[in-house]
Amino acid sequence: MAVLLAVGGLAIGVIRLNGDGSDLLLVVRVIDGDTIELENGEIVRYLLIDTPETMHPEKPVECYGPEASEANRRLTEGQKVRLERDVTDRDTYGRLLRYVYVDGALVQAELVREGYGYVYSRQPDVKHLRDMAALERQARGQGAGLWGACKGK
């Protein structure tokens, strides 16, 4: 069963209520710390997070980028994920913009909590912004990950 989720008359996504795993998709490749490829060929860019670059064609590999990519790989590669949409469907590169869950845990939150990335918000996609900002403050305060390893952060 699928339910159309609407806010103020604006359709923002479909939630599948099958309970049989049919709403889960396999991650076949981790592109970098905040981007994955799914079994259906879709590329997913995580909402509310940015991680140091490792694959940008015009930028060098940034401090803690390889570690962020490896953390994302550890969390998602070969795993079935559930996607949650906010308001914006795709970015200018055609990638899906989603919150990504593995076993009910929000991947973005784990990456920010461990210091592999930082909060990157763009209106109107701010559904989990308050919680993510709190996790970033905690990671910064503890010097976790890139906050302790990289100058200028």
N, C-alpha and C. Protein backbone atom coordinates (compact mmCIF):
# COMPACT_ATOMS: atom_id res chain seq x y z
N MET A 1 0.84 -1.17 0.00
CA MET A 1 0.00 0.00 0.00
C MET A 1 0.89 1.23 0.00
N ALA A 2 0.57 2.24 -0.79
CA ALA A 2 1.32 3.49 -0.83
C ALA A 2 0.40 4.63 -0.43
N VAL A 3 0.95 5.55 0.34
CA VAL A 3 0.19 6.70 0.79
C VAL A 3 0.89 7.94 0.28
N LEU A 4 0.16 8.83 -0.39
CA LEU A 4 0.72 10.09 -0.86
C LEU A 4 0.76 11.03 0.32
N LEU A 5 1.95 11.54 0.63
CA LEU A 5 2.14 12.47 1.73
C LEU A 5 2.02 13.88 1.17
N ALA A 6 1.11 14.67 1.72
CA ALA A 6 0.90 16.04 1.23
C ALA A 6 0.92 17.00 2.41
N VAL A 7 1.52 18.15 2.17
CA VAL A 7 1.55 19.21 3.17
C VAL A 7 1.04 20.47 2.50
N GLY A 8 -0.02 21.04 3.03
CA GLY A 8 -0.58 22.26 2.46
C GLY A 8 -0.97 22.09 1.00
N GLY A 9 -1.42 20.90 0.63
CA GLY A 9 -1.83 20.65 -0.74
C GLY A 9 -0.68 20.33 -1.68
N LEU A 10 0.57 20.40 -1.18
CA LEU A 10 1.74 20.11 -1.99
C LEU A 10 2.17 18.66 -1.75
N ALA A 11 2.16 17.86 -2.80
CA ALA A 11 2.59 16.47 -2.66
C ALA A 11 4.10 16.45 -2.46
N ILE A 12 4.56 15.83 -1.37
CA ILE A 12 5.99 15.82 -1.10
C ILE A 12 6.59 14.43 -1.11
N GLY A 13 5.82 13.42 -1.35
CA GLY A 13 6.43 12.10 -1.43
C GLY A 13 5.43 10.99 -1.21
N VAL A 14 5.89 9.80 -1.48
CA VAL A 14 5.07 8.62 -1.28
C VAL A 14 5.75 7.77 -0.22
N ILE A 15 4.97 7.37 0.76
CA ILE A 15 5.47 6.46 1.79
C ILE A 15 4.83 5.11 1.51
N ARG A 16 5.64 4.09 1.37
CA ARG A 16 5.12 2.75 1.16
C ARG A 16 4.90 2.09 2.51
N LEU A 17 3.76 1.48 2.65
CA LEU A 17 3.39 0.85 3.92
C LEU A 17 3.26 -0.66 3.78
N ASN A 18 4.00 -1.23 2.84
CA ASN A 18 3.86 -2.65 2.59
C ASN A 18 4.36 -3.51 3.74
N GLY A 19 5.43 -3.07 4.39
CA GLY A 19 5.98 -3.85 5.48
C GLY A 19 6.69 -5.10 5.01
N ASP A 20 6.82 -5.28 3.69
CA ASP A 20 7.47 -6.48 3.17
C ASP A 20 8.86 -6.21 2.61
N GLY A 21 9.40 -5.02 2.89
CA GLY A 21 10.73 -4.68 2.41
C GLY A 21 10.75 -4.14 1.00
N SER A 22 9.60 -4.02 0.36
CA SER A 22 9.58 -3.57 -1.03
C SER A 22 9.93 -2.09 -1.16
N ASP A 23 9.96 -1.38 -0.05
CA ASP A 23 10.35 0.01 -0.10
C ASP A 23 11.85 0.19 0.15
N LEU A 24 12.60 -0.89 0.22
CA LEU A 24 14.03 -0.85 0.45
C LEU A 24 14.78 -1.04 -0.86
N LEU A 25 15.88 -0.30 -1.00
CA LEU A 25 16.72 -0.41 -2.20
C LEU A 25 18.16 -0.70 -1.80
N LEU A 26 18.83 -1.50 -2.58
CA LEU A 26 20.21 -1.90 -2.31
C LEU A 26 21.18 -0.82 -2.77
N VAL A 27 22.14 -0.49 -1.91
CA VAL A 27 23.23 0.42 -2.28
C VAL A 27 24.31 -0.42 -2.96
N VAL A 28 24.58 -0.11 -4.24
CA VAL A 28 25.57 -0.88 -4.98
C VAL A 28 26.94 -0.20 -5.02
N ARG A 29 26.95 1.13 -4.74
CA ARG A 29 28.24 1.84 -4.80
C ARG A 29 28.16 3.10 -3.97
N VAL A 30 29.22 3.35 -3.23
CA VAL A 30 29.38 4.61 -2.51
C VAL A 30 30.26 5.49 -3.38
N ILE A 31 29.75 6.65 -3.72
CA ILE A 31 30.50 7.58 -4.58
C ILE A 31 31.43 8.43 -3.75
N ASP A 32 30.94 8.95 -2.64
CA ASP A 32 31.77 9.71 -1.71
C ASP A 32 31.06 9.75 -0.36
N GLY A 33 31.40 10.68 0.49
CA GLY A 33 30.84 10.70 1.83
C GLY A 33 29.37 11.05 1.92
N ASP A 34 28.81 11.64 0.88
CA ASP A 34 27.40 12.04 0.93
C ASP A 34 26.61 11.66 -0.32
N THR A 35 27.10 10.70 -1.07
CA THR A 35 26.43 10.31 -2.32
C THR A 35 26.58 8.80 -2.53
N ILE A 36 25.47 8.16 -2.93
CA ILE A 36 25.47 6.73 -3.18
C ILE A 36 24.77 6.42 -4.49
N GLU A 37 25.01 5.22 -5.01
CA GLU A 37 24.29 4.72 -6.18
C GLU A 37 23.48 3.51 -5.74
N LEU A 38 22.22 3.47 -6.21
CA LEU A 38 21.31 2.39 -5.87
C LEU A 38 21.24 1.34 -6.96
N GLU A 39 20.69 0.19 -6.63
CA GLU A 39 20.56 -0.92 -7.57
C GLU A 39 19.76 -0.55 -8.82
N ASN A 40 18.88 0.43 -8.72
CA ASN A 40 18.07 0.84 -9.87
C ASN A 40 18.78 1.89 -10.74
N GLY A 41 20.04 2.19 -10.41
CA GLY A 41 20.83 3.15 -11.19
C GLY A 41 20.72 4.59 -10.72
N GLU A 42 19.82 4.86 -9.80
CA GLU A 42 19.66 6.22 -9.28
C GLU A 42 20.86 6.60 -8.40
N ILE A 43 21.27 7.86 -8.54
CA ILE A 43 22.28 8.43 -7.67
C ILE A 43 21.54 9.26 -6.62
N VAL A 44 21.90 9.07 -5.35
CA VAL A 44 21.25 9.77 -4.26
C VAL A 44 22.26 10.66 -3.56
N ARG A 45 21.93 11.96 -3.49
CA ARG A 45 22.73 12.94 -2.74
C ARG A 45 22.01 13.16 -1.43
N TYR A 46 22.72 12.98 -0.32
CA TYR A 46 22.10 13.11 1.00
C TYR A 46 21.68 14.55 1.27
N LEU A 47 20.50 14.69 1.85
CA LEU A 47 20.03 15.99 2.31
C LEU A 47 20.68 16.34 3.64
N LEU A 48 20.85 17.63 3.88
CA LEU A 48 21.29 18.22 5.14
C LEU A 48 22.71 17.90 5.57
N ILE A 49 23.53 17.42 4.67
CA ILE A 49 24.92 17.13 5.04
C ILE A 49 25.83 17.42 3.86
N ASP A 50 27.04 17.83 4.19
CA ASP A 50 28.10 17.93 3.20
C ASP A 50 29.32 17.28 3.84
N THR A 51 30.07 16.59 3.04
CA THR A 51 31.30 15.96 3.52
C THR A 51 32.46 16.47 2.68
N PRO A 52 33.67 16.38 3.19
CA PRO A 52 34.82 16.84 2.42
C PRO A 52 34.92 16.11 1.07
N GLU A 53 35.33 16.85 0.07
CA GLU A 53 35.37 16.33 -1.30
C GLU A 53 36.46 15.28 -1.50
N THR A 54 36.11 14.29 -2.31
CA THR A 54 37.09 13.30 -2.77
C THR A 54 36.98 13.08 -4.27
N MET A 55 35.83 13.42 -4.86
CA MET A 55 35.58 13.10 -6.26
C MET A 55 35.29 14.33 -7.14
N HIS A 56 35.38 15.53 -6.58
CA HIS A 56 35.03 16.73 -7.34
C HIS A 56 36.04 16.94 -8.47
N PRO A 57 35.56 17.15 -9.71
CA PRO A 57 36.48 17.28 -10.84
C PRO A 57 37.34 18.54 -10.80
N GLU A 58 36.95 19.54 -10.02
CA GLU A 58 37.70 20.80 -9.99
C GLU A 58 38.32 21.11 -8.63
N LYS A 59 38.22 20.18 -7.69
CA LYS A 59 38.76 20.42 -6.35
C LYS A 59 39.66 19.25 -5.95
N PRO A 60 40.69 19.55 -5.17
CA PRO A 60 41.54 18.46 -4.67
C PRO A 60 40.80 17.68 -3.58
N VAL A 61 41.33 16.53 -3.24
CA VAL A 61 40.80 15.75 -2.13
C VAL A 61 40.98 16.60 -0.87
N GLU A 62 39.89 16.77 -0.12
CA GLU A 62 39.93 17.62 1.06
C GLU A 62 40.20 16.80 2.32
N CYS A 63 40.64 17.51 3.36
CA CYS A 63 40.92 16.90 4.65
C CYS A 63 39.70 16.13 5.13
N TYR A 64 39.90 14.90 5.48
CA TYR A 64 38.92 13.97 6.03
C TYR A 64 37.94 13.45 4.99
N GLY A 65 38.17 13.77 3.72
CA GLY A 65 37.32 13.26 2.65
C GLY A 65 37.39 11.75 2.52
N PRO A 66 38.59 11.16 2.44
CA PRO A 66 38.67 9.70 2.34
C PRO A 66 38.03 8.99 3.54
N GLU A 67 38.19 9.55 4.73
CA GLU A 67 37.60 8.95 5.92
C GLU A 67 36.07 9.02 5.86
N ALA A 68 35.54 10.15 5.36
CA ALA A 68 34.09 10.29 5.22
C ALA A 68 33.54 9.29 4.20
N SER A 69 34.24 9.14 3.10
CA SER A 69 33.80 8.17 2.09
C SER A 69 33.81 6.76 2.65
N GLU A 70 34.84 6.42 3.39
CA GLU A 70 34.94 5.09 3.98
C GLU A 70 33.85 4.86 5.03
N ALA A 71 33.54 5.88 5.81
CA ALA A 71 32.47 5.76 6.80
C ALA A 71 31.13 5.54 6.10
N ASN A 72 30.88 6.26 5.03
CA ASN A 72 29.65 6.08 4.27
C ASN A 72 29.60 4.67 3.69
N ARG A 73 30.73 4.19 3.21
CA ARG A 73 30.81 2.83 2.66
C ARG A 73 30.49 1.80 3.75
N ARG A 74 31.07 1.98 4.91
CA ARG A 74 30.84 1.07 6.03
C ARG A 74 29.36 1.04 6.43
N LEU A 75 28.72 2.19 6.38
CA LEU A 75 27.32 2.29 6.80
C LEU A 75 26.32 1.82 5.76
N THR A 76 26.66 1.97 4.45
CA THR A 76 25.62 1.77 3.43
C THR A 76 25.91 0.75 2.34
N GLU A 77 27.16 0.58 1.94
CA GLU A 77 27.43 -0.26 0.77
C GLU A 77 26.99 -1.71 1.02
N GLY A 78 26.21 -2.23 0.08
CA GLY A 78 25.70 -3.58 0.20
C GLY A 78 24.50 -3.69 1.12
N GLN A 79 24.04 -2.57 1.65
CA GLN A 79 22.91 -2.54 2.56
C GLN A 79 21.64 -2.13 1.81
N LYS A 80 20.51 -2.56 2.35
CA LYS A 80 19.21 -2.09 1.85
C LYS A 80 18.88 -0.81 2.61
N VAL A 81 18.52 0.23 1.87
CA VAL A 81 18.22 1.52 2.48
C VAL A 81 16.78 1.93 2.19
N ARG A 82 16.26 2.72 3.10
CA ARG A 82 14.95 3.34 2.91
C ARG A 82 15.20 4.82 2.67
N LEU A 83 14.54 5.37 1.69
CA LEU A 83 14.71 6.77 1.33
C LEU A 83 13.53 7.58 1.82
N GLU A 84 13.82 8.79 2.30
CA GLU A 84 12.79 9.72 2.72
C GLU A 84 12.99 11.03 1.97
N ARG A 85 11.94 11.49 1.36
CA ARG A 85 11.98 12.74 0.61
C ARG A 85 11.59 13.89 1.52
N ASP A 86 12.17 15.06 1.25
CA ASP A 86 11.73 16.28 1.92
C ASP A 86 10.86 17.01 0.90
N VAL A 87 11.24 18.18 0.45
CA VAL A 87 10.43 18.92 -0.51
C VAL A 87 11.00 18.80 -1.93
N THR A 88 12.30 19.05 -2.06
CA THR A 88 12.94 19.04 -3.37
C THR A 88 13.24 17.60 -3.79
N ASP A 89 12.86 17.24 -5.00
CA ASP A 89 13.05 15.87 -5.48
C ASP A 89 14.48 15.62 -5.96
N ARG A 90 15.00 16.53 -6.81
CA ARG A 90 16.32 16.33 -7.44
C ARG A 90 17.13 17.62 -7.42
N ASP A 91 18.46 17.45 -7.47
CA ASP A 91 19.33 18.63 -7.58
C ASP A 91 19.59 18.96 -9.04
N THR A 92 20.43 19.95 -9.28
CA THR A 92 20.69 20.40 -10.66
C THR A 92 21.43 19.36 -11.49
N TYR A 93 22.00 18.35 -10.84
CA TYR A 93 22.70 17.27 -11.54
C TYR A 93 21.80 16.07 -11.79
N GLY A 94 20.55 16.15 -11.39
CA GLY A 94 19.60 15.06 -11.59
C GLY A 94 19.63 13.99 -10.51
N ARG A 95 20.41 14.22 -9.46
CA ARG A 95 20.48 13.24 -8.37
C ARG A 95 19.26 13.37 -7.47
N LEU A 96 18.78 12.23 -6.96
CA LEU A 96 17.72 12.26 -5.96
C LEU A 96 18.26 12.92 -4.70
N LEU A 97 17.48 13.74 -4.06
CA LEU A 97 17.82 14.35 -2.78
C LEU A 97 16.98 13.67 -1.71
N ARG A 98 17.65 12.96 -0.80
CA ARG A 98 16.91 12.15 0.16
C ARG A 98 17.62 12.06 1.51
N TYR A 99 16.81 11.75 2.53
CA TYR A 99 17.33 11.27 3.80
C TYR A 99 17.44 9.76 3.61
N VAL A 100 18.51 9.16 4.10
CA VAL A 100 18.79 7.75 3.86
C VAL A 100 18.87 7.02 5.20
N TYR A 101 18.12 5.92 5.29
CA TYR A 101 18.05 5.14 6.51
C TYR A 101 18.54 3.72 6.27
N VAL A 102 19.32 3.19 7.20
CA VAL A 102 19.72 1.79 7.24
C VAL A 102 19.24 1.25 8.58
N ASP A 103 18.44 0.22 8.55
CA ASP A 103 17.89 -0.38 9.77
C ASP A 103 17.26 0.66 10.69
N GLY A 104 16.58 1.64 10.10
CA GLY A 104 15.88 2.66 10.88
C GLY A 104 16.74 3.81 11.34
N ALA A 105 18.05 3.75 11.12
CA ALA A 105 18.96 4.81 11.56
C ALA A 105 19.26 5.75 10.39
N LEU A 106 19.19 7.05 10.64
CA LEU A 106 19.47 8.05 9.62
C LEU A 106 20.97 8.14 9.39
N VAL A 107 21.40 7.80 8.19
CA VAL A 107 22.83 7.77 7.85
C VAL A 107 23.46 9.15 8.03
N GLN A 108 22.78 10.19 7.56
CA GLN A 108 23.32 11.55 7.68
C GLN A 108 23.61 11.89 9.15
N ALA A 109 22.72 11.52 10.04
CA ALA A 109 22.91 11.82 11.45
C ALA A 109 24.15 11.13 11.99
N GLU A 110 24.34 9.89 11.61
CA GLU A 110 25.52 9.15 12.07
C GLU A 110 26.81 9.78 11.56
N LEU A 111 26.82 10.18 10.30
CA LEU A 111 28.01 10.81 9.73
C LEU A 111 28.34 12.13 10.42
N VAL A 112 27.32 12.94 10.68
CA VAL A 112 27.55 14.22 11.37
C VAL A 112 27.96 13.98 12.81
N ARG A 113 27.31 13.06 13.50
CA ARG A 113 27.63 12.77 14.90
C ARG A 113 29.08 12.33 15.08
N GLU A 114 29.59 11.56 14.10
CA GLU A 114 30.96 11.06 14.19
C GLU A 114 31.99 12.03 13.61
N GLY A 115 31.53 13.18 13.09
CA GLY A 115 32.46 14.19 12.59
C GLY A 115 32.95 13.94 11.17
N TYR A 116 32.23 13.16 10.38
CA TYR A 116 32.62 12.92 9.00
C TYR A 116 32.05 13.96 8.04
N GLY A 117 31.12 14.76 8.52
CA GLY A 117 30.51 15.79 7.69
C GLY A 117 29.90 16.87 8.56
N TYR A 118 29.36 17.86 7.91
CA TYR A 118 28.75 18.98 8.61
C TYR A 118 27.42 19.30 7.97
N VAL A 119 26.60 20.01 8.71
CA VAL A 119 25.25 20.33 8.25
C VAL A 119 25.33 21.32 7.09
N TYR A 120 24.59 21.00 6.06
CA TYR A 120 24.48 21.84 4.87
C TYR A 120 23.00 21.90 4.53
N SER A 121 22.38 23.04 4.79
CA SER A 121 20.94 23.13 4.57
C SER A 121 20.61 24.14 3.47
N ARG A 122 19.59 23.79 2.74
CA ARG A 122 19.04 24.67 1.71
C ARG A 122 17.54 24.60 1.82
N GLN A 123 16.93 25.76 1.93
CA GLN A 123 15.47 25.83 1.97
C GLN A 123 14.94 25.25 0.67
N PRO A 124 13.88 24.55 0.68
CA PRO A 124 12.96 24.28 1.79
C PRO A 124 13.20 22.94 2.47
N ASP A 125 14.33 22.30 2.20
CA ASP A 125 14.58 20.94 2.70
C ASP A 125 15.24 20.97 4.08
N VAL A 126 14.43 21.19 5.10
CA VAL A 126 14.97 21.37 6.45
C VAL A 126 14.23 20.53 7.50
N LYS A 127 13.61 19.47 7.07
CA LYS A 127 12.79 18.64 7.95
C LYS A 127 13.52 18.20 9.23
N HIS A 128 14.77 17.80 9.12
CA HIS A 128 15.53 17.30 10.27
C HIS A 128 16.65 18.25 10.69
N LEU A 129 16.55 19.51 10.31
CA LEU A 129 17.64 20.47 10.55
C LEU A 129 17.95 20.66 12.03
N ARG A 130 16.96 20.80 12.85
CA ARG A 130 17.21 21.06 14.28
C ARG A 130 18.03 19.92 14.90
N ASP A 131 17.64 18.68 14.64
CA ASP A 131 18.36 17.54 15.21
C ASP A 131 19.77 17.43 14.64
N MET A 132 19.90 17.68 13.35
CA MET A 132 21.23 17.59 12.73
C MET A 132 22.16 18.68 13.25
N ALA A 133 21.64 19.88 13.44
CA ALA A 133 22.46 20.98 13.97
C ALA A 133 22.94 20.66 15.39
N ALA A 134 22.10 20.04 16.19
CA ALA A 134 22.49 19.65 17.55
C ALA A 134 23.62 18.61 17.50
N LEU A 135 23.52 17.66 16.57
CA LEU A 135 24.58 16.65 16.44
C LEU A 135 25.89 17.28 16.00
N GLU A 136 25.82 18.26 15.10
CA GLU A 136 27.04 18.94 14.67
C GLU A 136 27.68 19.72 15.83
N ARG A 137 26.88 20.42 16.60
CA ARG A 137 27.42 21.16 17.75
C ARG A 137 28.14 20.21 18.71
N GLN A 138 27.54 19.04 18.94
CA GLN A 138 28.14 18.05 19.83
C GLN A 138 29.47 17.55 19.25
N ALA A 139 29.49 17.23 17.96
CA ALA A 139 30.72 16.74 17.33
C ALA A 139 31.82 17.80 17.36
N ARG A 140 31.45 19.03 17.07
CA ARG A 140 32.43 20.13 17.12
C ARG A 140 33.01 20.26 18.53
N GLY A 141 32.13 20.25 19.52
CA GLY A 141 32.55 20.41 20.90
C GLY A 141 33.49 19.30 21.37
N GLN A 142 33.31 18.12 20.82
CA GLN A 142 34.16 16.98 21.18
C GLN A 142 35.39 16.86 20.29
N GLY A 143 35.48 17.71 19.27
CA GLY A 143 36.60 17.60 18.33
C GLY A 143 36.57 16.31 17.55
N ALA A 144 35.35 15.79 17.30
CA ALA A 144 35.20 14.51 16.60
C ALA A 144 35.56 14.66 15.13
N GLY A 145 36.21 13.63 14.60
CA GLY A 145 36.46 13.55 13.16
C GLY A 145 37.14 14.77 12.60
N LEU A 146 36.53 15.33 11.56
CA LEU A 146 37.15 16.47 10.86
C LEU A 146 37.31 17.69 11.77
N TRP A 147 36.50 17.81 12.82
CA TRP A 147 36.59 18.97 13.71
C TRP A 147 37.89 18.96 14.49
N GLY A 148 38.47 17.81 14.70
CA GLY A 148 39.76 17.74 15.39
C GLY A 148 40.92 17.56 14.43
N ALA A 149 40.66 17.04 13.26
CA ALA A 149 41.75 16.69 12.33
C ALA A 149 42.07 17.76 11.29
N CYS A 150 41.11 18.63 11.00
CA CYS A 150 41.28 19.56 9.89
C CYS A 150 41.34 21.01 10.36
N LYS A 151 42.37 21.69 9.96
CA LYS A 151 42.51 23.10 10.29
C LYS A 151 41.49 23.90 9.50
N GLY A 152 40.96 24.92 10.16
CA GLY A 152 40.02 25.80 9.47
C GLY A 152 38.57 25.37 9.57
N LYS A 153 38.28 24.27 10.19
CA LYS A 153 36.88 23.83 10.36
C LYS A 153 36.40 24.24 11.72
